[in-house]
Amino acid sequence: MTDIDRQTKIEHYSKAYDEVVEALNEFPKDMWNFKPTPERWSIHEILIHLADSEANSYIRCRKIISESGTKVYGYDQDKWASVLNYHNQNIDLSLKLFQLLRQLTYELIINLEDNAWNRYVDHEFYGQITLDNWLEIYEPHVPGHIGQMKRVYEEWKSFKS
């Protein structure tokens, strides 16, 4: 990845919270718990997932930078949503956590030296993940979930009519 590509991705990465807030303005709050099917997520669940995912991302990033070559573990996001009962978790607190973790990580990575981007961890499912790979995973993560929220909203509108 060139430095220009990396800087562009880092800047886009830093805007994720604002993108989520902007997207949420499109959806009536009374539909945030709507589930298109029992196995698919509601907007509420997606928002809680973003906080949990960001917490994992926060740790992985720091582990890559400070403990290169060590092992990291995945998690079953669907099991987390179910067992942790995402529907009963607080959206406002989850969004604040997401915002803080994303901002702290952005401030950490924005001025890293080039050699830090080659550091890596061994992920139990994905193998070796460099810091550049980490950025390629997490930079598009939120836009992907915003698209998912838009699809849930469209299905809710169809369900209502």
Foldseek 3Di string as FASTA:
>chain_A
DDPVVVLVLLVLLLCLLVVVVVLVVVFPPVQQQPALDPQGGGVLLLLLLLLVVLVLLLVQLVCQQPPFAEEDEDDDSSCCCVVVVSVPDDNVVSSVSSNVSSVVVSVVPNDDDPVQQQGWHQYPPPGTAGNVNSSVVNSCPSVVVSVVNVVSRVSVVVVVD
